[in-house]
Amino acid sequence: MYYAYLLECQNDNSWYIGYTNDLKTRVNDHQRGYGCRTTSLKKNWKLIYYEAYLNKADAVGREKFLKSGSGRTYLKKQLRHYFKENTSKPPREKAA
């Protein structure tokens, strides 16, 4: 199985989107500061969304989409109840 996933930093509500073939281990790695530069600079990451795929190429393609403007819009719609319940706000879009 392969996974496209979304982590939220509980300190500043920023997002990290990635893919992996071992979701539990990868999330633990992010929590310990291992892996990528983005998540190693911040602490307190929480898994808030993931999708499972049988094929690696599908997970990589989905990660790419989720990182796009349309993908982020999709995630904000999908997670609207999460944001209401947790009173967190989705990350602000970068100015063009």
PDB file of N, CA and C in Angstrom:
ATOM      1  N   MET A   1       0.842  -1.181   0.000  1.00  0.00           N
ATOM      2  CA  MET A   1       0.000   0.000   0.000  1.00  0.00           C
ATOM      3  C   MET A   1       0.888   1.245   0.000  1.00  0.00           C
ATOM      4  N   TYR A   2       0.408   2.271  -0.662  1.00  0.00           N
ATOM      5  CA  TYR A   2       1.071   3.575  -0.686  1.00  0.00           C
ATOM      6  C   TYR A   2       0.060   4.612  -0.229  1.00  0.00           C
ATOM      7  N   TYR A   3       0.569   5.671   0.373  1.00  0.00           N
ATOM      8  CA  TYR A   3      -0.309   6.675   0.977  1.00  0.00           C
ATOM      9  C   TYR A   3       0.114   8.085   0.574  1.00  0.00           C
ATOM     10  N   ALA A   4      -0.861   8.913   0.253  1.00  0.00           N
ATOM     11  CA  ALA A   4      -0.676  10.356   0.166  1.00  0.00           C
ATOM     12  C   ALA A   4      -1.263  10.883   1.475  1.00  0.00           C
ATOM     13  N   TYR A   5      -0.555  11.789   2.131  1.00  0.00           N
ATOM     14  CA  TYR A   5      -0.989  12.199   3.466  1.00  0.00           C
ATOM     15  C   TYR A   5      -0.777  13.684   3.698  1.00  0.00           C
ATOM     16  N   LEU A   6      -1.475  14.182   4.709  1.00  0.00           N
ATOM     17  CA  LEU A   6      -1.403  15.582   5.109  1.00  0.00           C
ATOM     18  C   LEU A   6      -1.149  15.653   6.607  1.00  0.00           C
ATOM     19  N   LEU A   7      -0.103  16.362   6.966  1.00  0.00           N
ATOM     20  CA  LEU A   7       0.197  16.636   8.371  1.00  0.00           C
ATOM     21  C   LEU A   7      -0.078  18.106   8.639  1.00  0.00           C
ATOM     22  N   GLU A   8      -0.525  18.389   9.854  1.00  0.00           N
ATOM     23  CA  GLU A   8      -0.718  19.772  10.275  1.00  0.00           C
ATOM     24  C   GLU A   8       0.167  20.028  11.489  1.00  0.00           C
ATOM     25  N   CYS A   9       0.910  21.122  11.462  1.00  0.00           N
ATOM     26  CA  CYS A   9       1.702  21.528  12.620  1.00  0.00           C
ATOM     27  C   CYS A   9       0.743  22.155  13.625  1.00  0.00           C
ATOM     28  N   GLN A  10       0.668  21.588  14.808  1.00  0.00           N
ATOM     29  CA  GLN A  10      -0.265  22.065  15.815  1.00  0.00           C
ATOM     30  C   GLN A  10       0.154  23.400  16.421  1.00  0.00           C
ATOM     31  N   ASN A  11       1.391  23.817  16.175  1.00  0.00           N
ATOM     32  CA  ASN A  11       1.875  25.094  16.701  1.00  0.00           C
ATOM     33  C   ASN A  11       1.428  26.284  15.856  1.00  0.00           C
ATOM     34  N   ASP A  12       1.460  26.123  14.525  1.00  0.00           N
ATOM     35  CA  ASP A  12       1.125  27.255  13.657  1.00  0.00           C
ATOM     36  C   ASP A  12       0.144  26.918  12.529  1.00  0.00           C
ATOM     37  N   ASN A  13      -0.421  25.713  12.549  1.00  0.00           N
ATOM     38  CA  ASN A  13      -1.410  25.248  11.571  1.00  0.00           C
ATOM     39  C   ASN A  13      -0.875  25.133  10.150  1.00  0.00           C
ATOM     40  N   SER A  14       0.449  25.106   9.963  1.00  0.00           N
ATOM     41  CA  SER A  14       0.997  24.908   8.622  1.00  0.00           C
ATOM     42  C   SER A  14       0.836  23.443   8.221  1.00  0.00           C
ATOM     43  N   TRP A  15       0.905  23.189   6.924  1.00  0.00           N
ATOM     44  CA  TRP A  15       0.681  21.852   6.386  1.00  0.00           C
ATOM     45  C   TRP A  15       1.948  21.278   5.773  1.00  0.00           C
ATOM     46  N   TYR A  16       2.012  19.963   5.793  1.00  0.00           N
ATOM     47  CA  TYR A  16       3.014  19.228   5.019  1.00  0.00           C
ATOM     48  C   TYR A  16       2.278  18.106   4.296  1.00  0.00           C
ATOM     49  N   ILE A  17       2.488  17.999   2.994  1.00  0.00           N
ATOM     50  CA  ILE A  17       1.863  16.961   2.179  1.00  0.00           C
ATOM     51  C   ILE A  17       2.959  16.064   1.635  1.00  0.00           C
ATOM     52  N   GLY A  18       2.777  14.754   1.767  1.00  0.00           N
ATOM     53  CA  GLY A  18       3.779  13.819   1.276  1.00  0.00           C
ATOM     54  C   GLY A  18       3.162  12.502   0.866  1.00  0.00           C
ATOM     55  N   TYR A  19       4.034  11.545   0.529  1.00  0.00           N
ATOM     56  CA  TYR A  19       3.582  10.185   0.229  1.00  0.00           C
ATOM     57  C   TYR A  19       4.581   9.210   0.826  1.00  0.00           C
ATOM     58  N   THR A  20       4.124   7.979   1.076  1.00  0.00           N
ATOM     59  CA  THR A  20       4.971   6.957   1.678  1.00  0.00           C
ATOM     60  C   THR A  20       4.352   5.582   1.465  1.00  0.00           C
ATOM     61  N   ASN A  21       5.144   4.557   1.732  1.00  0.00           N
ATOM     62  CA  ASN A  21       4.596   3.199   1.702  1.00  0.00           C
ATOM     63  C   ASN A  21       4.415   2.653   3.124  1.00  0.00           C
ATOM     64  N   ASP A  22       4.790   3.424   4.136  1.00  0.00           N
ATOM     65  CA  ASP A  22       4.635   3.024   5.532  1.00  0.00           C
ATOM     66  C   ASP A  22       4.198   4.251   6.333  1.00  0.00           C
ATOM     67  N   LEU A  23       2.914   4.468   6.392  1.00  0.00           N
ATOM     68  CA  LEU A  23       2.363   5.695   6.958  1.00  0.00           C
ATOM     69  C   LEU A  23       2.721   5.879   8.432  1.00  0.00           C
ATOM     70  N   LYS A  24       2.556   4.844   9.226  1.00  0.00           N
ATOM     71  CA  LYS A  24       2.811   4.963  10.662  1.00  0.00           C
ATOM     72  C   LYS A  24       4.269   5.340  10.941  1.00  0.00           C
ATOM     73  N   THR A  25       5.191   4.660  10.284  1.00  0.00           N
ATOM     74  CA  THR A  25       6.610   4.944  10.480  1.00  0.00           C
ATOM     75  C   THR A  25       6.953   6.343   9.993  1.00  0.00           C
ATOM     76  N   ARG A  26       6.391   6.731   8.851  1.00  0.00           N
ATOM     77  CA  ARG A  26       6.705   8.044   8.287  1.00  0.00           C
ATOM     78  C   ARG A  26       6.204   9.173   9.186  1.00  0.00           C
ATOM     79  N   VAL A  27       5.018   9.037   9.731  1.00  0.00           N
ATOM     80  CA  VAL A  27       4.491  10.059  10.642  1.00  0.00           C
ATOM     81  C   VAL A  27       5.372  10.135  11.891  1.00  0.00           C
ATOM     82  N   ASN A  28       5.771   8.985  12.422  1.00  0.00           N
ATOM     83  CA  ASN A  28       6.673   8.973  13.582  1.00  0.00           C
ATOM     84  C   ASN A  28       8.005   9.628  13.249  1.00  0.00           C
ATOM     85  N   ASP A  29       8.516   9.389  12.041  1.00  0.00           N
ATOM     86  CA  ASP A  29       9.762  10.038  11.620  1.00  0.00           C
ATOM     87  C   ASP A  29       9.611  11.555  11.608  1.00  0.00           C
ATOM     88  N   HIS A  30       8.510  12.035  11.062  1.00  0.00           N
ATOM     89  CA  HIS A  30       8.265  13.482  11.044  1.00  0.00           C
ATOM     90  C   HIS A  30       8.210  14.022  12.472  1.00  0.00           C
ATOM     91  N   GLN A  31       7.546  13.308  13.364  1.00  0.00           N
ATOM     92  CA  GLN A  31       7.431  13.749  14.770  1.00  0.00           C
ATOM     93  C   GLN A  31       8.803  13.856  15.438  1.00  0.00           C
ATOM     94  N   ARG A  32       9.716  12.954  15.069  1.00  0.00           N
ATOM     95  CA  ARG A  32      11.056  12.955  15.671  1.00  0.00           C
ATOM     96  C   ARG A  32      12.032  13.870  14.949  1.00  0.00           C
ATOM     97  N   GLY A  33      11.578  14.531  13.884  1.00  0.00           N
ATOM     98  CA  GLY A  33      12.439  15.465  13.166  1.00  0.00           C
ATOM     99  C   GLY A  33      13.284  14.826  12.087  1.00  0.00           C
ATOM    100  N   TYR A  34      12.982  13.588  11.708  1.00  0.00           N
ATOM    101  CA  TYR A  34      13.720  12.907  10.649  1.00  0.00           C
ATOM    102  C   TYR A  34      13.009  13.085   9.318  1.00  0.00           C
ATOM    103  N   GLY A  35      13.741  12.974   8.264  1.00  0.00           N
ATOM    104  CA  GLY A  35      13.121  12.995   6.943  1.00  0.00           C
ATOM    105  C   GLY A  35      13.397  14.270   6.197  1.00  0.00           C
ATOM    106  N   CYS A  36      12.388  15.082   6.050  1.00  0.00           N
ATOM    107  CA  CYS A  36      12.527  16.274   5.214  1.00  0.00           C
ATOM    108  C   CYS A  36      12.833  17.517   6.048  1.00  0.00           C
ATOM    109  N   ARG A  37      13.357  18.500   5.387  1.00  0.00           N
ATOM    110  CA  ARG A  37      13.735  19.749   6.041  1.00  0.00           C
ATOM    111  C   ARG A  37      12.517  20.475   6.619  1.00  0.00           C
ATOM    112  N   THR A  38      11.427  20.486   5.866  1.00  0.00           N
ATOM    113  CA  THR A  38      10.224  21.213   6.283  1.00  0.00           C
ATOM    114  C   THR A  38       9.734  20.758   7.653  1.00  0.00           C
ATOM    115  N   THR A  39       9.600  19.448   7.846  1.00  0.00           N
ATOM    116  CA  THR A  39       9.056  18.962   9.113  1.00  0.00           C
ATOM    117  C   THR A  39      10.118  18.890  10.207  1.00  0.00           C
ATOM    118  N   SER A  40      11.390  18.874   9.843  1.00  0.00           N
ATOM    119  CA  SER A  40      12.424  18.822  10.884  1.00  0.00           C
ATOM    120  C   SER A  40      12.601  20.178  11.558  1.00  0.00           C
ATOM    121  N   LEU A  41      12.193  21.249  10.889  1.00  0.00           N
ATOM    122  CA  LEU A  41      12.326  22.588  11.470  1.00  0.00           C
ATOM    123  C   LEU A  41      11.225  22.910  12.474  1.00  0.00           C
ATOM    124  N   LYS A  42      10.120  22.179  12.401  1.00  0.00           N
ATOM    125  CA  LYS A  42       8.997  22.410  13.307  1.00  0.00           C
ATOM    126  C   LYS A  42       8.688  21.120  14.049  1.00  0.00           C
ATOM    127  N   LYS A  43       8.014  21.239  15.147  1.00  0.00           N
ATOM    128  CA  LYS A  43       7.621  20.074  15.948  1.00  0.00           C
ATOM    129  C   LYS A  43       6.106  20.043  16.095  1.00  0.00           C
ATOM    130  N   ASN A  44       5.609  18.943  16.647  1.00  0.00           N
ATOM    131  CA  ASN A  44       4.188  18.810  16.978  1.00  0.00           C
ATOM    132  C   ASN A  44       3.305  18.644  15.738  1.00  0.00           C
ATOM    133  N   TRP A  45       3.658  17.688  14.882  1.00  0.00           N
ATOM    134  CA  TRP A  45       2.882  17.388  13.681  1.00  0.00           C
ATOM    135  C   TRP A  45       1.781  16.387  13.998  1.00  0.00           C
ATOM    136  N   LYS A  46       0.640  16.556  13.337  1.00  0.00           N
ATOM    137  CA  LYS A  46      -0.502  15.666  13.528  1.00  0.00           C
ATOM    138  C   LYS A  46      -1.017  15.225  12.157  1.00  0.00           C
ATOM    139  N   LEU A  47      -1.217  13.926  11.994  1.00  0.00           N
ATOM    140  CA  LEU A  47      -1.796  13.403  10.765  1.00  0.00           C
ATOM    141  C   LEU A  47      -3.284  13.752  10.758  1.00  0.00           C
ATOM    142  N   ILE A  48      -3.729  14.508   9.744  1.00  0.00           N
ATOM    143  CA  ILE A  48      -5.145  14.889   9.704  1.00  0.00           C
ATOM    144  C   ILE A  48      -5.863  14.337   8.475  1.00  0.00           C
ATOM    145  N   TYR A  49      -5.113  13.770   7.511  1.00  0.00           N
ATOM    146  CA  TYR A  49      -5.762  13.255   6.303  1.00  0.00           C
ATOM    147  C   TYR A  49      -4.811  12.315   5.584  1.00  0.00           C
ATOM    148  N   TYR A  50      -5.367  11.233   5.029  1.00  0.00           N
ATOM    149  CA  TYR A  50      -4.571  10.377   4.150  1.00  0.00           C
ATOM    150  C   TYR A  50      -5.474   9.613   3.197  1.00  0.00           C
ATOM    151  N   GLU A  51      -4.886   9.180   2.111  1.00  0.00           N
ATOM    152  CA  GLU A  51      -5.555   8.360   1.109  1.00  0.00           C
ATOM    153  C   GLU A  51      -4.630   7.184   0.804  1.00  0.00           C
ATOM    154  N   ALA A  52      -5.196   6.000   0.580  1.00  0.00           N
ATOM    155  CA  ALA A  52      -4.415   4.795   0.313  1.00  0.00           C
ATOM    156  C   ALA A  52      -4.522   4.407  -1.161  1.00  0.00           C
ATOM    157  N   TYR A  53      -3.410   3.942  -1.712  1.00  0.00           N
ATOM    158  CA  TYR A  53      -3.335   3.520  -3.114  1.00  0.00           C
ATOM    159  C   TYR A  53      -2.566   2.208  -3.228  1.00  0.00           C
ATOM    160  N   LEU A  54      -2.921   1.409  -4.217  1.00  0.00           N
ATOM    161  CA  LEU A  54      -2.226   0.158  -4.472  1.00  0.00           C
ATOM    162  C   LEU A  54      -0.952   0.381  -5.281  1.00  0.00           C
ATOM    163  N   ASN A  55      -0.897   1.483  -6.001  1.00  0.00           N
ATOM    164  CA  ASN A  55       0.201   1.744  -6.915  1.00  0.00           C
ATOM    165  C   ASN A  55       0.967   2.996  -6.479  1.00  0.00           C
ATOM    166  N   LYS A  56       2.288   2.924  -6.463  1.00  0.00           N
ATOM    167  CA  LYS A  56       3.116   4.050  -6.049  1.00  0.00           C
ATOM    168  C   LYS A  56       2.879   5.282  -6.926  1.00  0.00           C
ATOM    169  N   ALA A  57       2.792   5.067  -8.236  1.00  0.00           N
ATOM    170  CA  ALA A  57       2.602   6.196  -9.156  1.00  0.00           C
ATOM    171  C   ALA A  57       1.306   6.945  -8.858  1.00  0.00           C
ATOM    172  N   ASP A  58       0.273   6.230  -8.449  1.00  0.00           N
ATOM    173  CA  ASP A  58      -0.992   6.885  -8.103  1.00  0.00           C
ATOM    174  C   ASP A  58      -0.834   7.750  -6.857  1.00  0.00           C
ATOM    175  N   ALA A  59      -0.122   7.254  -5.854  1.00  0.00           N
ATOM    176  CA  ALA A  59       0.101   8.028  -4.626  1.00  0.00           C
ATOM    177  C   ALA A  59       0.956   9.261  -4.904  1.00  0.00           C
ATOM    178  N   VAL A  60       1.983   9.100  -5.729  1.00  0.00           N
ATOM    179  CA  VAL A  60       2.843  10.238  -6.085  1.00  0.00           C
ATOM    180  C   VAL A  60       2.043  11.279  -6.860  1.00  0.00           C
ATOM    181  N   GLY A  61       1.214  10.827  -7.795  1.00  0.00           N
ATOM    182  CA  GLY A  61       0.369  11.744  -8.553  1.00  0.00           C
ATOM    183  C   GLY A  61      -0.610  12.487  -7.662  1.00  0.00           C
ATOM    184  N   ARG A  62      -1.166  11.781  -6.700  1.00  0.00           N
ATOM    185  CA  ARG A  62      -2.121  12.417  -5.772  1.00  0.00           C
ATOM    186  C   ARG A  62      -1.409  13.433  -4.887  1.00  0.00           C
ATOM    187  N   GLU A  63      -0.203  13.097  -4.423  1.00  0.00           N
ATOM    188  CA  GLU A  63       0.577  14.051  -3.632  1.00  0.00           C
ATOM    189  C   GLU A  63       0.809  15.324  -4.436  1.00  0.00           C
ATOM    190  N   LYS A  64       1.181  15.171  -5.685  1.00  0.00           N
ATOM    191  CA  LYS A  64       1.430  16.319  -6.559  1.00  0.00           C
ATOM    192  C   LYS A  64       0.166  17.175  -6.687  1.00  0.00           C
ATOM    193  N   PHE A  65      -0.977  16.516  -6.899  1.00  0.00           N
ATOM    194  CA  PHE A  65      -2.237  17.253  -6.995  1.00  0.00           C
ATOM    195  C   PHE A  65      -2.550  17.983  -5.696  1.00  0.00           C
ATOM    196  N   LEU A  66      -2.419  17.304  -4.552  1.00  0.00           N
ATOM    197  CA  LEU A  66      -2.761  17.917  -3.271  1.00  0.00           C
ATOM    198  C   LEU A  66      -1.889  19.130  -2.964  1.00  0.00           C
ATOM    199  N   LYS A  67      -0.685  19.161  -3.511  1.00  0.00           N
ATOM    200  CA  LYS A  67       0.209  20.302  -3.309  1.00  0.00           C
ATOM    201  C   LYS A  67      -0.145  21.480  -4.213  1.00  0.00           C
ATOM    202  N   SER A  68      -0.976  21.249  -5.214  1.00  0.00           N
ATOM    203  CA  SER A  68      -1.370  22.319  -6.137  1.00  0.00           C
ATOM    204  C   SER A  68      -2.457  23.191  -5.505  1.00  0.00           C
ATOM    205  N   GLY A  69      -2.743  24.300  -6.132  1.00  0.00           N
ATOM    206  CA  GLY A  69      -3.801  25.179  -5.645  1.00  0.00           C
ATOM    207  C   GLY A  69      -5.149  24.484  -5.604  1.00  0.00           C
ATOM    208  N   SER A  70      -5.459  23.728  -6.659  1.00  0.00           N
ATOM    209  CA  SER A  70      -6.731  22.988  -6.693  1.00  0.00           C
ATOM    210  C   SER A  70      -6.767  21.919  -5.612  1.00  0.00           C
ATOM    211  N   GLY A  71      -5.637  21.291  -5.379  1.00  0.00           N
ATOM    212  CA  GLY A  71      -5.559  20.255  -4.349  1.00  0.00           C
ATOM    213  C   GLY A  71      -5.760  20.811  -2.959  1.00  0.00           C
ATOM    214  N   ARG A  72      -5.177  21.962  -2.695  1.00  0.00           N
ATOM    215  CA  ARG A  72      -5.348  22.595  -1.382  1.00  0.00           C
ATOM    216  C   ARG A  72      -6.799  23.038  -1.173  1.00  0.00           C
ATOM    217  N   THR A  73      -7.420  23.519  -2.238  1.00  0.00           N
ATOM    218  CA  THR A  73      -8.839  23.876  -2.163  1.00  0.00           C
ATOM    219  C   THR A  73      -9.675  22.639  -1.850  1.00  0.00           C
ATOM    220  N   TYR A  74      -9.362  21.528  -2.516  1.00  0.00           N
ATOM    221  CA  TYR A  74     -10.046  20.259  -2.273  1.00  0.00           C
ATOM    222  C   TYR A  74      -9.899  19.850  -0.802  1.00  0.00           C
ATOM    223  N   LEU A  75      -8.678  19.923  -0.271  1.00  0.00           N
ATOM    224  CA  LEU A  75      -8.451  19.538   1.119  1.00  0.00           C
ATOM    225  C   LEU A  75      -9.223  20.425   2.092  1.00  0.00           C
ATOM    226  N   LYS A  76      -9.261  21.706   1.821  1.00  0.00           N
ATOM    227  CA  LYS A  76      -9.999  22.619   2.702  1.00  0.00           C
ATOM    228  C   LYS A  76     -11.482  22.272   2.736  1.00  0.00           C
ATOM    229  N   LYS A  77     -12.042  21.869   1.581  1.00  0.00           N
ATOM    230  CA  LYS A  77     -13.439  21.450   1.539  1.00  0.00           C
ATOM    231  C   LYS A  77     -13.630  20.134   2.289  1.00  0.00           C
ATOM    232  N   GLN A  78     -12.749  19.190   2.053  1.00  0.00           N
ATOM    233  CA  GLN A  78     -12.853  17.880   2.689  1.00  0.00           C
ATOM    234  C   GLN A  78     -12.733  17.972   4.208  1.00  0.00           C
ATOM    235  N   LEU A  79     -11.942  18.901   4.674  1.00  0.00           N
ATOM    236  CA  LEU A  79     -11.633  18.989   6.107  1.00  0.00           C
ATOM    237  C   LEU A  79     -12.364  20.131   6.819  1.00  0.00           C
ATOM    238  N   ARG A  80     -13.407  20.664   6.201  1.00  0.00           N
ATOM    239  CA  ARG A  80     -14.099  21.809   6.801  1.00  0.00           C
ATOM    240  C   ARG A  80     -14.625  21.501   8.202  1.00  0.00           C
ATOM    241  N   HIS A  81     -15.077  20.276   8.445  1.00  0.00           N
ATOM    242  CA  HIS A  81     -15.575  19.919   9.784  1.00  0.00           C
ATOM    243  C   HIS A  81     -14.428  19.824  10.785  1.00  0.00           C
ATOM    244  N   TYR A  82     -13.287  19.331  10.328  1.00  0.00           N
ATOM    245  CA  TYR A  82     -12.097  19.278  11.191  1.00  0.00           C
ATOM    246  C   TYR A  82     -11.724  20.690  11.641  1.00  0.00           C
ATOM    247  N   PHE A  83     -11.707  21.630  10.703  1.00  0.00           N
ATOM    248  CA  PHE A  83     -11.331  23.001  11.053  1.00  0.00           C
ATOM    249  C   PHE A  83     -12.334  23.630  12.014  1.00  0.00           C
ATOM    250  N   LYS A  84     -13.613  23.344  11.848  1.00  0.00           N
ATOM    251  CA  LYS A  84     -14.630  23.871  12.766  1.00  0.00           C
ATOM    252  C   LYS A  84     -14.455  23.303  14.164  1.00  0.00           C
ATOM    253  N   GLU A  85     -14.275  21.978  14.252  1.00  0.00           N
ATOM    254  CA  GLU A  85     -14.164  21.311  15.549  1.00  0.00           C
ATOM    255  C   GLU A  85     -12.890  21.682  16.287  1.00  0.00           C
ATOM    256  N   ASN A  86     -11.824  21.916  15.552  1.00  0.00           N
ATOM    257  CA  ASN A  86     -10.532  22.192  16.174  1.00  0.00           C
ATOM    258  C   ASN A  86     -10.204  23.666  16.202  1.00  0.00           C
ATOM    259  N   THR A  87     -11.128  24.480  15.758  1.00  0.00           N
ATOM    260  CA  THR A  87     -10.969  25.933  15.695  1.00  0.00           C
ATOM    261  C   THR A  87      -9.630  26.352  15.092  1.00  0.00           C
ATOM    262  N   SER A  88      -9.063  25.458  14.296  1.00  0.00           N
ATOM    263  CA  SER A  88      -7.858  25.844  13.566  1.00  0.00           C
ATOM    264  C   SER A  88      -8.280  26.327  12.196  1.00  0.00           C
ATOM    265  N   LYS A  89      -7.435  27.087  11.584  1.00  0.00           N
ATOM    266  CA  LYS A  89      -7.747  27.621  10.267  1.00  0.00           C
ATOM    267  C   LYS A  89      -6.812  26.952   9.267  1.00  0.00           C
ATOM    268  N   PRO A  90      -7.297  26.743   8.041  1.00  0.00           N
ATOM    269  CA  PRO A  90      -6.399  26.205   7.018  1.00  0.00           C
ATOM    270  C   PRO A  90      -5.293  27.201   6.750  1.00  0.00           C
ATOM    271  N   PRO A  91      -4.136  26.737   6.291  1.00  0.00           N
ATOM    272  CA  PRO A  91      -3.045  27.680   6.021  1.00  0.00           C
ATOM    273  C   PRO A  91      -3.440  28.702   4.964  1.00  0.00           C
ATOM    274  N   ARG A  92      -2.927  29.879   5.122  1.00  0.00           N
ATOM    275  CA  ARG A  92      -3.227  30.935   4.153  1.00  0.00           C
ATOM    276  C   ARG A  92      -2.487  30.667   2.868  1.00  0.00           C
ATOM    277  N   GLU A  93      -3.119  31.034   1.768  1.00  0.00           N
ATOM    278  CA  GLU A  93      -2.489  30.878   0.462  1.00  0.00           C
ATOM    279  C   GLU A  93      -1.421  31.942   0.301  1.00  0.00           C
ATOM    280  N   LYS A  94      -0.364  31.600  -0.394  1.00  0.00           N
ATOM    281  CA  LYS A  94       0.694  32.567  -0.674  1.00  0.00           C
ATOM    282  C   LYS A  94       0.203  33.578  -1.705  1.00  0.00           C
ATOM    283  N   ALA A  95       0.601  34.817  -1.528  1.00  0.00           N
ATOM    284  CA  ALA A  95       0.222  35.855  -2.491  1.00  0.00           C
ATOM    285  C   ALA A  95       0.970  35.619  -3.793  1.00  0.00           C
ATOM    286  N   ALA A  96       0.298  35.841  -4.889  1.00  0.00           N
ATOM    287  CA  ALA A  96       0.909  35.608  -6.213  1.00  0.00           C
ATOM    288  C   ALA A  96       1.788  36.749  -6.612  1.00  0.00           C
TER     289      ALA A  96
END
